[in-house]
Amino acid sequence: MSRNEGRDRSAVSVIGLGQMGTRLAQAFLAAGYRTTVWNRTPAKADALAAQGADRASTVGEAVSAGPLVVVCLPDYDTVHDLLEPEGERLRGRVLANLSSGTPEAARRMAGQVTGHGAAYLDGAAMSGTRLVGHPDALFVFSGSPDAFATQQDVLASLGRSVHLGDDPALASLYDTALFGLAWGALAGFYHAVALVGAGGVDPTAFAAVAMSHMPFVTSLMADHARHIQDGRYPNDDGTVDVHAAAMDHLVHASRAEGIGAEVPELIKSLLERAAGTGHGEDGIASVVELITKGRRDVRAG
């Protein structure tokens, strides 16, 4: 541990060496940062030690090794159990928590960490493990703006690191929302592959065309976000009624080919319900009103 003693500004510690934690440590090492690692199962640190990482024998030793402590554990309760006894060692450091949890848990963790005199960043890796360390990887952080500014260069070793705001719950909220967005897109893709596959189309051939279509889809997100913000839904991209009719054709085609129609049936239901609440002639972004109504109904109940 000798080379990481003290508060070396080029040092970072990684606690938790599962698939993601290991990739985080490797990215810091590749960027030239002195990296100290700890895991409950010591053998998981062997490969990283061979790559130049310092192996901490205790959690406290890892926390003390540098100004930035990155934690990647299964849940917030585990983070609490490991770090609460090390409260004094945390003082004056930045804790970046990339563990999985809820916005409420993030706020509680922020209160506990700042109570020990440390700065807190909550974070989420939005690009899986494959891209960690590459510019295309997206990491979102929320919490102390000063802590993020101080450690931004180090965190940039992981990929594109974005600070969302000072509310520590924002990273978890974005993480959950973007997870749903990704699965919504992938569910549509899997259905599409099944549909064209019924016509003998190779999945990779279809994917090449689908990828060229996606810039148009993402441009709709930017346009429709503005419509939602304004509360006005121009129908330049087609009305809810028109899209509901098109979705009915997709449901029919799916059934005719003998494949599952659950994905288009869900979207068809949303469109029909939106039309039933008076949005039939509005643009399709008005479907958000139907989804948001569920939140209002829960609050009213």
Protein backbone atom coordinates (compact mmCIF):
# COMPACT_ATOMS: atom_id res chain seq x y z
CA MET A 1 0.00 0.00 0.00
CA SER A 2 2.99 2.32 0.25
CA ARG A 3 2.63 4.14 -3.02
CA ASN A 4 -0.96 5.23 -2.32
CA GLU A 5 -0.42 6.48 1.23
CA GLY A 6 -1.73 9.93 1.94
CA ARG A 7 -4.05 12.06 -0.20
CA ASP A 8 -2.49 11.79 -3.64
CA ARG A 9 -4.70 13.83 -5.98
CA SER A 10 -4.05 11.29 -8.74
CA ALA A 11 -5.35 8.42 -6.60
CA VAL A 12 -8.74 6.74 -6.69
CA SER A 13 -10.12 3.78 -4.74
CA VAL A 14 -12.65 1.27 -6.05
CA ILE A 15 -14.66 -0.75 -3.54
CA GLY A 16 -16.58 -3.68 -5.02
CA LEU A 17 -15.07 -5.73 -7.84
CA GLY A 18 -17.96 -7.34 -9.63
CA GLN A 19 -18.10 -7.03 -13.41
CA MET A 20 -18.74 -3.29 -13.33
CA GLY A 21 -16.38 -2.50 -10.47
CA THR A 22 -13.57 -4.36 -12.20
CA ARG A 23 -14.12 -2.42 -15.41
CA LEU A 24 -14.15 0.86 -13.47
CA ALA A 25 -10.81 0.03 -11.87
CA GLN A 26 -9.35 -0.98 -15.23
CA ALA A 27 -10.46 2.33 -16.77
CA PHE A 28 -8.79 4.33 -13.98
CA LEU A 29 -5.61 2.30 -14.37
CA ALA A 30 -5.62 2.79 -18.14
CA ALA A 31 -5.94 6.55 -17.62
CA GLY A 32 -2.86 6.54 -15.39
CA TYR A 33 -4.50 7.01 -11.99
CA ARG A 34 -3.13 5.23 -8.97
CA THR A 35 -5.91 2.82 -8.18
CA THR A 36 -6.53 1.01 -4.92
CA VAL A 37 -9.05 -1.83 -4.93
CA TRP A 38 -10.91 -3.82 -2.30
CA ASN A 39 -13.43 -6.62 -2.46
CA ARG A 40 -14.98 -8.84 0.17
CA THR A 41 -13.59 -11.82 -1.75
CA PRO A 42 -9.86 -10.92 -1.98
CA ALA A 43 -9.19 -13.18 -4.98
CA LYS A 44 -11.26 -10.84 -7.16
CA ALA A 45 -8.48 -8.28 -6.81
CA ASP A 46 -5.78 -10.61 -8.16
CA ALA A 47 -6.11 -9.71 -11.84
CA LEU A 48 -6.25 -5.99 -11.09
CA ALA A 49 -3.19 -6.22 -8.86
CA ALA A 50 -1.37 -7.86 -11.76
CA GLN A 51 -2.39 -4.88 -13.91
CA GLY A 52 -0.87 -2.41 -11.43
CA ALA A 53 -3.61 -1.76 -8.89
CA ASP A 54 -2.85 -1.58 -5.18
CA ARG A 55 -4.72 -4.13 -3.12
CA ALA A 56 -6.23 -2.83 0.13
CA SER A 57 -6.52 -5.35 2.93
CA THR A 58 -9.47 -3.56 4.56
CA VAL A 59 -12.26 -1.20 3.56
CA GLY A 60 -10.72 1.47 5.76
CA GLU A 61 -7.40 1.14 3.98
CA ALA A 62 -9.14 1.60 0.62
CA VAL A 63 -11.04 4.67 1.83
CA SER A 64 -7.84 6.26 3.15
CA ALA A 65 -5.88 5.77 -0.07
CA GLY A 66 -7.01 8.87 -1.92
CA PRO A 67 -9.47 11.73 -2.24
CA LEU A 68 -11.98 9.86 -4.45
CA VAL A 69 -13.69 6.66 -3.33
CA VAL A 70 -15.81 4.90 -5.96
CA VAL A 71 -18.22 2.29 -4.67
CA CYS A 72 -19.91 -0.30 -6.87
CA LEU A 73 -21.85 -2.76 -4.72
CA PRO A 74 -25.16 -4.65 -5.10
CA ASP A 75 -27.29 -2.18 -3.13
CA TYR A 76 -27.26 0.80 -0.79
CA ASP A 77 -27.67 -1.29 2.34
CA THR A 78 -24.39 -3.03 1.56
CA VAL A 79 -22.71 0.35 1.00
CA HIS A 80 -24.02 1.57 4.34
CA ASP A 81 -22.91 -1.54 6.22
CA LEU A 82 -19.38 -1.36 4.81
CA LEU A 83 -18.76 2.38 5.05
CA GLU A 84 -20.62 3.47 8.17
CA PRO A 85 -17.83 2.15 10.44
CA GLU A 86 -15.34 4.16 8.34
CA GLY A 87 -17.10 7.49 8.83
CA GLU A 88 -14.05 9.30 10.20
CA ARG A 89 -11.90 8.13 7.29
CA LEU A 90 -14.46 9.52 4.83
CA ARG A 91 -14.11 13.07 6.12
CA GLY A 92 -12.88 15.45 3.42
CA ARG A 93 -13.16 12.89 0.63
CA VAL A 94 -15.57 12.43 -2.26
CA LEU A 95 -17.69 9.29 -2.32
CA ALA A 96 -19.05 8.39 -5.75
CA ASN A 97 -21.66 5.66 -5.38
CA LEU A 98 -22.38 3.62 -8.51
CA SER A 99 -24.43 0.99 -6.72
CA SER A 100 -28.01 0.17 -7.67
CA GLY A 101 -30.86 1.71 -5.71
CA THR A 102 -33.85 4.00 -5.60
CA PRO A 103 -33.97 7.81 -5.54
CA GLU A 104 -35.08 7.66 -1.90
CA ALA A 105 -32.10 5.49 -1.00
CA ALA A 106 -29.78 7.92 -2.78
CA ARG A 107 -31.04 10.81 -0.67
CA ARG A 108 -30.62 8.81 2.53
CA MET A 109 -27.09 7.80 1.56
CA ALA A 110 -26.21 11.41 0.75
CA GLY A 111 -27.35 12.48 4.21
CA GLN A 112 -25.28 9.78 5.89
CA VAL A 113 -22.14 10.51 3.89
CA THR A 114 -22.29 14.28 4.25
CA GLY A 115 -22.94 13.75 7.95
CA HIS A 116 -19.44 12.30 8.12
CA GLY A 117 -17.97 15.39 6.47
CA ALA A 118 -17.58 13.87 2.99
CA ALA A 119 -19.01 15.02 -0.32
CA TYR A 120 -21.45 12.71 -2.08
CA LEU A 121 -22.07 11.87 -5.71
CA ASP A 122 -24.65 9.33 -6.77
CA GLY A 123 -24.02 7.79 -10.16
CA ALA A 124 -25.17 5.30 -12.74
CA ALA A 125 -23.43 3.58 -15.64
CA MET A 126 -25.80 3.85 -18.58
CA SER A 127 -23.83 1.86 -21.18
CA GLY A 128 -23.27 -1.47 -19.47
CA THR A 129 -19.80 -2.85 -18.90
CA ARG A 130 -18.63 -3.16 -22.51
CA LEU A 131 -18.00 0.53 -23.12
CA VAL A 132 -16.49 1.53 -19.77
CA GLY A 133 -13.38 3.57 -20.45
CA HIS A 134 -14.49 4.57 -23.95
CA PRO A 135 -15.81 8.02 -24.95
CA ASP A 136 -19.16 6.52 -25.99
CA ALA A 137 -19.88 5.26 -22.46
CA LEU A 138 -22.37 7.43 -20.57
CA PHE A 139 -22.14 7.92 -16.82
CA VAL A 140 -24.59 10.20 -15.03
CA PHE A 141 -23.90 11.75 -11.63
CA SER A 142 -25.85 13.90 -9.23
CA GLY A 143 -25.09 15.46 -5.89
CA SER A 144 -22.39 17.93 -4.88
CA PRO A 145 -21.52 20.17 -7.86
CA ASP A 146 -18.20 21.10 -6.25
CA ALA A 147 -17.26 17.45 -5.78
CA PHE A 148 -18.06 16.71 -9.40
CA ALA A 149 -16.03 19.67 -10.61
CA THR A 150 -13.08 18.59 -8.47
CA GLN A 151 -13.15 14.98 -9.67
CA GLN A 152 -14.46 15.52 -13.21
CA ASP A 153 -11.15 14.69 -14.89
CA VAL A 154 -10.86 11.43 -12.96
CA LEU A 155 -14.46 10.45 -13.66
CA ALA A 156 -13.95 11.26 -17.34
CA SER A 157 -11.68 8.19 -17.43
CA LEU A 158 -14.88 6.13 -17.38
CA GLY A 159 -16.45 7.79 -20.42
CA ARG A 160 -18.75 10.76 -20.91
CA SER A 161 -19.55 11.85 -17.36
CA VAL A 162 -22.55 14.16 -17.01
CA HIS A 163 -23.61 16.01 -13.86
CA LEU A 164 -27.41 16.25 -13.66
CA GLY A 165 -27.85 18.54 -10.67
CA ASP A 166 -27.34 18.85 -6.94
CA ASP A 167 -30.24 16.58 -5.94
CA PRO A 168 -28.51 13.23 -5.27
CA ALA A 169 -31.66 11.35 -6.37
CA LEU A 170 -31.42 12.53 -9.98
CA ALA A 171 -28.88 9.94 -11.13
CA SER A 172 -31.06 7.10 -9.85
CA LEU A 173 -34.15 8.69 -11.42
CA TYR A 174 -32.41 9.03 -14.80
CA ASP A 175 -31.03 5.51 -14.48
CA THR A 176 -34.52 4.06 -13.99
CA ALA A 177 -36.06 6.19 -16.73
CA LEU A 178 -33.33 5.43 -19.27
CA PHE A 179 -33.55 1.72 -18.43
CA GLY A 180 -37.24 1.86 -19.34
CA LEU A 181 -36.44 3.81 -22.51
CA ALA A 182 -33.85 1.27 -23.59
CA TRP A 183 -36.17 -1.65 -22.99
CA GLY A 184 -39.00 0.08 -24.81
CA ALA A 185 -36.76 0.55 -27.84
CA LEU A 186 -35.36 -2.99 -27.64
CA ALA A 187 -38.84 -4.51 -27.28
CA GLY A 188 -39.84 -2.73 -30.48
CA PHE A 189 -36.67 -3.97 -32.16
CA TYR A 190 -37.21 -7.59 -31.07
CA HIS A 191 -40.77 -7.49 -32.36
CA ALA A 192 -39.60 -5.98 -35.63
CA VAL A 193 -36.92 -8.65 -36.06
CA ALA A 194 -39.51 -11.35 -35.47
CA LEU A 195 -41.87 -9.79 -37.99
CA VAL A 196 -39.36 -9.40 -40.82
CA GLY A 197 -37.87 -12.78 -39.88
CA ALA A 198 -41.24 -14.34 -40.67
CA GLY A 199 -40.65 -13.02 -44.18
CA GLY A 200 -37.18 -14.56 -44.37
CA VAL A 201 -35.19 -11.41 -43.61
CA ASP A 202 -31.84 -11.90 -41.84
CA PRO A 203 -31.74 -10.08 -38.46
CA THR A 204 -28.41 -8.40 -39.21
CA ALA A 205 -29.65 -7.13 -42.57
CA PHE A 206 -32.70 -5.65 -40.90
CA ALA A 207 -30.59 -4.15 -38.09
CA ALA A 208 -28.46 -2.26 -40.60
CA VAL A 209 -31.57 -0.56 -42.03
CA ALA A 210 -33.10 -0.04 -38.58
CA MET A 211 -29.98 1.75 -37.35
CA SER A 212 -30.16 4.18 -40.26
CA HIS A 213 -33.75 4.93 -39.22
CA MET A 214 -32.90 5.69 -35.58
CA PRO A 215 -31.54 9.26 -36.08
CA PHE A 216 -35.04 10.22 -37.24
CA VAL A 217 -36.54 8.56 -34.15
CA THR A 218 -34.17 10.34 -31.79
CA SER A 219 -34.93 13.65 -33.51
CA LEU A 220 -38.58 13.04 -32.64
CA MET A 221 -37.59 12.76 -28.98
CA ALA A 222 -36.08 16.25 -29.06
CA ASP A 223 -39.08 17.73 -30.90
CA HIS A 224 -41.67 15.98 -28.77
CA ALA A 225 -39.91 16.97 -25.55
CA ARG A 226 -40.49 20.58 -26.53
CA HIS A 227 -44.16 19.81 -27.30
CA ILE A 228 -44.55 18.22 -23.86
CA GLN A 229 -42.82 21.14 -22.18
CA ASP A 230 -45.16 23.59 -23.93
CA GLY A 231 -48.27 21.46 -23.37
CA ARG A 232 -49.13 21.79 -27.08
CA TYR A 233 -49.11 18.82 -29.45
CA PRO A 234 -48.88 19.75 -33.15
CA ASN A 235 -49.69 16.84 -35.41
CA ASP A 236 -46.96 17.36 -38.02
CA ASP A 237 -45.80 13.77 -37.37
CA GLY A 238 -49.34 12.42 -37.63
CA THR A 239 -52.33 12.41 -35.31
CA VAL A 240 -53.02 9.95 -32.55
CA ASP A 241 -55.90 8.56 -34.64
CA VAL A 242 -53.66 8.03 -37.68
CA HIS A 243 -51.02 6.25 -35.64
CA ALA A 244 -53.63 4.11 -33.89
CA ALA A 245 -54.85 2.93 -37.30
CA ALA A 246 -51.27 2.18 -38.39
CA MET A 247 -50.67 0.26 -35.16
CA ASP A 248 -53.81 -1.76 -35.84
CA HIS A 249 -52.25 -2.81 -39.18
CA LEU A 250 -49.08 -3.84 -37.30
CA VAL A 251 -51.10 -5.94 -34.86
CA HIS A 252 -52.93 -7.60 -37.76
CA ALA A 253 -49.71 -8.28 -39.67
CA SER A 254 -48.11 -9.79 -36.57
CA ARG A 255 -51.01 -12.14 -35.98
CA ALA A 256 -51.13 -13.08 -39.64
CA GLU A 257 -47.45 -14.09 -39.48
CA GLY A 258 -48.05 -16.07 -36.31
CA ILE A 259 -45.80 -13.97 -34.06
CA GLY A 260 -46.60 -12.37 -30.71
CA ALA A 261 -48.37 -9.01 -30.90
CA GLU A 262 -47.91 -7.91 -27.28
CA VAL A 263 -45.67 -4.95 -28.11
CA PRO A 264 -47.86 -3.29 -30.76
CA GLU A 265 -50.99 -4.17 -28.75
CA LEU A 266 -49.62 -2.19 -25.81
CA ILE A 267 -48.91 0.84 -28.00
CA LYS A 268 -52.28 0.50 -29.75
CA SER A 269 -53.99 0.51 -26.34
CA LEU A 270 -52.16 3.69 -25.32
CA LEU A 271 -53.09 5.43 -28.56
CA GLU A 272 -56.74 4.39 -28.37
CA ARG A 273 -57.01 5.48 -24.74
CA ALA A 274 -55.39 8.83 -25.61
CA ALA A 275 -57.91 9.29 -28.41
CA GLY A 276 -60.69 8.45 -25.98
CA THR A 277 -59.61 11.34 -23.73
CA GLY A 278 -59.90 13.85 -26.57
CA HIS A 279 -56.42 13.71 -28.13
CA GLY A 280 -57.34 11.93 -31.37
CA GLU A 281 -56.48 14.91 -33.56
CA ASP A 282 -53.43 15.89 -31.53
CA GLY A 283 -49.86 14.88 -32.22
CA ILE A 284 -48.68 11.58 -30.80
CA ALA A 285 -46.66 13.19 -28.02
CA SER A 286 -50.02 13.85 -26.34
CA VAL A 287 -49.94 10.22 -25.18
CA VAL A 288 -47.78 11.53 -22.34
CA GLU A 289 -50.92 13.14 -20.89
CA LEU A 290 -52.45 9.68 -20.48
CA ILE A 291 -49.33 8.33 -18.78
CA THR A 292 -48.98 11.39 -16.54
CA LYS A 293 -52.65 11.09 -15.56
CA GLY A 294 -51.79 7.86 -13.76
CA ARG A 295 -49.46 9.84 -11.50
CA ARG A 296 -52.16 12.42 -10.81
CA ASP A 297 -54.71 9.70 -10.08
CA VAL A 298 -52.36 8.06 -7.55
CA ARG A 299 -51.86 11.40 -5.79
CA ALA A 300 -55.60 12.11 -5.78
CA GLY A 301 -56.30 8.67 -4.30
